Amino acid sequence: VRSRGLGDVYKRQGINAEYGQKVQAGIKAATEELLKEPQGEDIVVFLGNTRAGKSTLVNYVTGRKLNAEPLGTGLRTGIKLVQCHQDDGPKIGHTATAATRVPSRWTDKSKKRVMWDAPGWDDNRGEEQDITNAYCVWQLLASAQSVKFVFVSDIADVSGDSVTRFMDLLKKICQMVPHIENFIHNVVITFT
């Protein structure tokens, strides 16, 4: 009896072998990172679309110092929040590519609350990363003693003419947490 490799499985399922290998490698690397962290904790997990401000919010909630810096010129100006100490807290992305690749564990200054900065949905690095992200979040939730959810949305997702991105976020929440009405006391939706 000949053993079939994953290449044969991918071919039978109509999956491009390179695509399948990227997903497999991403999941393996993410699993190795998650296994380094404690299991069975009471956690708060920050979830939402890519670039919604999850990492910035985790930095703020855990008491890390942030600085406001000018952003843009002319009519398109604003501020961006940056970490005072690069090695302290989740990396905040300010480029087109998402900064969070796997969930990262952080505690507040009292070390009493464990918070997880999760990679975003609709990741701009492609479907392979979206699949890895979903697997990571599933693993994280499966390994927790208890979970409180903070769903983060960009305020622009509800303040413009279209609320499609926000409605998509709500659909993802309902898909991820069936019977969410039973967990409503463990859910916060916030806008950044």
Protein backbone atom coordinates (compact mmCIF):
# COMPACT_ATOMS: atom_id res chain seq x y z
CA VAL A 1 0.00 0.00 0.00
CA ARG A 2 1.48 3.29 -1.08
CA SER A 3 1.17 6.27 1.27
CA ARG A 4 -0.35 9.31 -0.41
CA GLY A 5 1.24 12.67 0.21
CA LEU A 6 -0.58 15.94 0.76
CA GLY A 7 0.05 16.80 -2.88
CA ASP A 8 -2.31 13.96 -3.85
CA VAL A 9 -4.91 15.15 -1.35
CA TYR A 10 -4.70 18.72 -2.65
CA LYS A 11 -5.08 17.49 -6.24
CA ARG A 12 -8.15 15.37 -5.39
CA GLN A 13 -9.77 18.32 -3.58
CA GLY A 14 -8.94 20.76 -6.37
CA ILE A 15 -6.56 22.77 -4.19
CA ASN A 16 -3.44 24.32 -5.66
CA ALA A 17 -0.48 22.53 -4.01
CA GLU A 18 1.44 25.77 -3.40
CA TYR A 19 -1.64 27.31 -1.76
CA GLY A 20 -2.11 24.22 0.44
CA GLN A 21 1.54 24.25 1.46
CA LYS A 22 1.35 27.95 2.41
CA VAL A 23 -1.69 27.30 4.59
CA GLN A 24 -0.06 24.26 6.18
CA ALA A 25 3.17 26.18 6.88
CA GLY A 26 1.24 29.13 8.35
CA ILE A 27 -0.78 26.90 10.66
CA LYS A 28 2.34 25.01 11.78
CA ALA A 29 4.23 28.24 12.60
CA ALA A 30 1.22 29.71 14.40
CA THR A 31 0.67 26.54 16.43
CA GLU A 32 4.31 26.56 17.53
CA GLU A 33 3.91 30.16 18.74
CA LEU A 34 0.65 29.45 20.59
CA LEU A 35 2.08 26.38 22.33
CA LYS A 36 4.73 28.58 23.97
CA GLU A 37 1.99 30.39 25.92
CA PRO A 38 0.11 29.26 29.05
CA GLN A 39 -3.12 27.32 28.48
CA GLY A 40 -6.37 27.24 30.47
CA GLU A 41 -6.47 30.93 31.42
CA ASP A 42 -9.37 33.35 31.77
CA ILE A 43 -8.80 35.63 28.78
CA VAL A 44 -10.05 38.71 26.99
CA VAL A 45 -9.61 38.39 23.23
CA PHE A 46 -9.68 41.36 20.85
CA LEU A 47 -11.18 40.44 17.47
CA GLY A 48 -12.22 42.37 14.38
CA ASN A 49 -11.29 43.22 10.83
CA THR A 50 -7.71 43.90 9.82
CA ARG A 51 -6.64 47.51 10.53
CA ALA A 52 -9.60 48.19 12.88
CA GLY A 53 -7.30 49.23 15.75
CA LYS A 54 -7.16 46.05 17.84
CA SER A 55 -3.42 46.29 18.60
CA THR A 56 -3.69 49.99 19.44
CA LEU A 57 -6.60 49.28 21.79
CA VAL A 58 -4.74 46.40 23.50
CA ASN A 59 -1.77 48.72 24.05
CA TYR A 60 -4.06 51.32 25.60
CA VAL A 61 -6.09 48.91 27.77
CA THR A 62 -2.95 47.21 29.11
CA GLY A 63 -1.54 50.58 30.19
CA ARG A 64 1.25 50.96 27.65
CA LYS A 65 2.26 54.51 26.86
CA LEU A 66 1.30 55.78 23.40
CA ASN A 67 2.28 58.99 21.61
CA ALA A 68 0.19 60.83 19.01
CA GLU A 69 2.05 61.76 15.83
CA PRO A 70 0.77 63.80 12.87
CA LEU A 71 -0.46 61.81 9.90
CA GLY A 72 -1.00 63.05 6.35
CA THR A 73 -0.85 66.47 4.77
CA GLY A 74 -3.25 68.98 3.31
CA LEU A 75 -6.92 68.08 3.61
CA ARG A 76 -6.20 64.47 4.64
CA THR A 77 -4.60 65.00 8.03
CA GLY A 78 -5.03 63.27 11.34
CA ILE A 79 -2.99 61.55 14.00
CA LYS A 80 -1.61 58.08 14.48
CA LEU A 81 -0.86 56.50 17.81
CA VAL A 82 2.58 54.93 18.19
CA GLN A 83 4.21 53.02 20.99
CA CYS A 84 6.71 54.88 23.15
CA HIS A 85 8.74 51.69 23.56
CA GLN A 86 8.77 49.41 20.47
CA ASP A 87 9.35 46.21 22.47
CA ASP A 88 6.49 46.83 24.89
CA GLY A 89 3.05 45.81 23.69
CA PRO A 90 1.61 44.52 20.44
CA LYS A 91 3.08 46.06 17.32
CA ILE A 92 0.83 48.73 15.83
CA GLY A 93 0.72 48.63 12.05
CA HIS A 94 0.75 51.85 10.05
CA THR A 95 1.40 50.41 6.60
CA ALA A 96 -0.75 48.65 4.02
CA THR A 97 0.25 45.23 5.41
CA ALA A 98 -1.32 43.96 8.63
CA ALA A 99 1.14 43.80 11.56
CA THR A 100 -0.42 40.96 13.62
CA ARG A 101 0.35 37.47 12.24
CA VAL A 102 -0.60 35.26 15.21
CA PRO A 103 -2.44 36.00 18.44
CA SER A 104 -0.16 37.58 21.02
CA ARG A 105 -0.61 37.43 24.79
CA TRP A 106 -0.40 40.57 26.93
CA THR A 107 -1.19 41.44 30.52
CA ASP A 108 -2.14 44.71 32.09
CA LYS A 109 0.33 46.35 34.47
CA SER A 110 -1.19 44.54 37.47
CA LYS A 111 -0.71 41.18 35.68
CA LYS A 112 -4.31 40.32 36.61
CA ARG A 113 -5.90 40.41 33.16
CA VAL A 114 -4.71 38.33 30.24
CA MET A 115 -5.50 39.88 26.88
CA TRP A 116 -4.94 38.48 23.42
CA ASP A 117 -4.42 40.63 20.34
CA ALA A 118 -5.73 38.46 17.50
CA PRO A 119 -4.99 38.82 13.79
CA GLY A 120 -7.80 40.45 11.87
CA TRP A 121 -10.45 39.12 9.57
CA ASP A 122 -10.22 40.02 5.89
CA ASP A 123 -6.43 40.02 6.19
CA ASN A 124 -4.74 41.94 3.40
CA ARG A 125 -2.06 39.25 2.99
CA GLY A 126 -4.49 36.89 1.26
CA GLU A 127 -6.74 33.90 1.85
CA GLU A 128 -3.91 31.72 3.15
CA GLN A 129 -3.39 34.16 6.02
CA ASP A 130 -7.15 34.39 6.66
CA ILE A 131 -7.29 30.60 7.05
CA THR A 132 -4.28 30.66 9.39
CA ASN A 133 -5.86 33.49 11.39
CA ALA A 134 -9.14 31.60 11.79
CA TYR A 135 -7.28 28.48 12.92
CA CYS A 136 -5.25 30.51 15.44
CA VAL A 137 -8.34 32.10 16.96
CA TRP A 138 -10.07 28.71 17.16
CA GLN A 139 -7.02 27.21 18.93
CA LEU A 140 -6.85 30.16 21.31
CA LEU A 141 -10.52 29.90 22.25
CA ALA A 142 -10.33 26.12 22.62
CA SER A 143 -7.39 26.40 25.04
CA ALA A 144 -8.95 29.05 27.32
CA GLN A 145 -10.66 28.44 30.65
CA SER A 146 -13.10 31.30 29.95
CA VAL A 147 -13.34 34.01 27.31
CA LYS A 148 -14.56 37.58 27.16
CA PHE A 149 -14.76 39.07 23.67
CA VAL A 150 -13.93 42.62 22.58
CA PHE A 151 -15.00 43.07 18.97
CA VAL A 152 -13.29 46.09 17.44
CA SER A 153 -14.61 48.02 14.45
CA ASP A 154 -13.33 51.12 12.69
CA ILE A 155 -15.73 54.03 13.26
CA ALA A 156 -15.66 54.64 9.50
CA ASP A 157 -17.48 51.31 9.11
CA VAL A 158 -20.63 52.89 10.60
CA SER A 159 -20.25 56.60 9.90
CA GLY A 160 -20.24 56.59 6.09
CA ASP A 161 -22.88 55.87 3.49
CA SER A 162 -22.30 52.12 3.71
CA VAL A 163 -22.28 49.97 6.83
CA THR A 164 -21.39 46.81 4.88
CA ARG A 165 -18.06 46.20 6.68
CA PHE A 166 -19.73 46.54 10.09
CA MET A 167 -22.61 44.24 9.09
CA ASP A 168 -20.04 41.73 7.80
CA LEU A 169 -18.30 41.94 11.19
CA LEU A 170 -21.59 41.21 12.98
CA LYS A 171 -22.16 38.19 10.70
CA LYS A 172 -18.66 36.88 11.50
CA ILE A 173 -19.35 37.30 15.22
CA CYS A 174 -22.58 35.34 14.96
CA GLN A 175 -20.85 32.59 12.93
CA MET A 176 -17.99 32.36 15.42
CA VAL A 177 -20.17 32.42 18.54
CA PRO A 178 -23.36 30.45 17.87
CA HIS A 179 -26.21 31.44 20.21
CA ILE A 180 -24.36 34.65 21.06
CA GLU A 181 -27.40 35.72 23.08
CA ASN A 182 -26.23 33.22 25.75
CA PHE A 183 -22.85 35.00 25.98
CA ILE A 184 -23.95 38.61 25.68
CA HIS A 185 -22.56 39.44 29.16
CA ASN A 186 -19.11 38.43 27.83
CA VAL A 187 -19.19 40.58 24.68
CA VAL A 188 -18.22 44.21 24.02
CA ILE A 189 -18.32 45.93 20.64
CA THR A 190 -16.15 49.02 20.44
CA PHE A 191 -15.31 51.54 17.75
CA THR A 192 -11.89 53.03 17.15
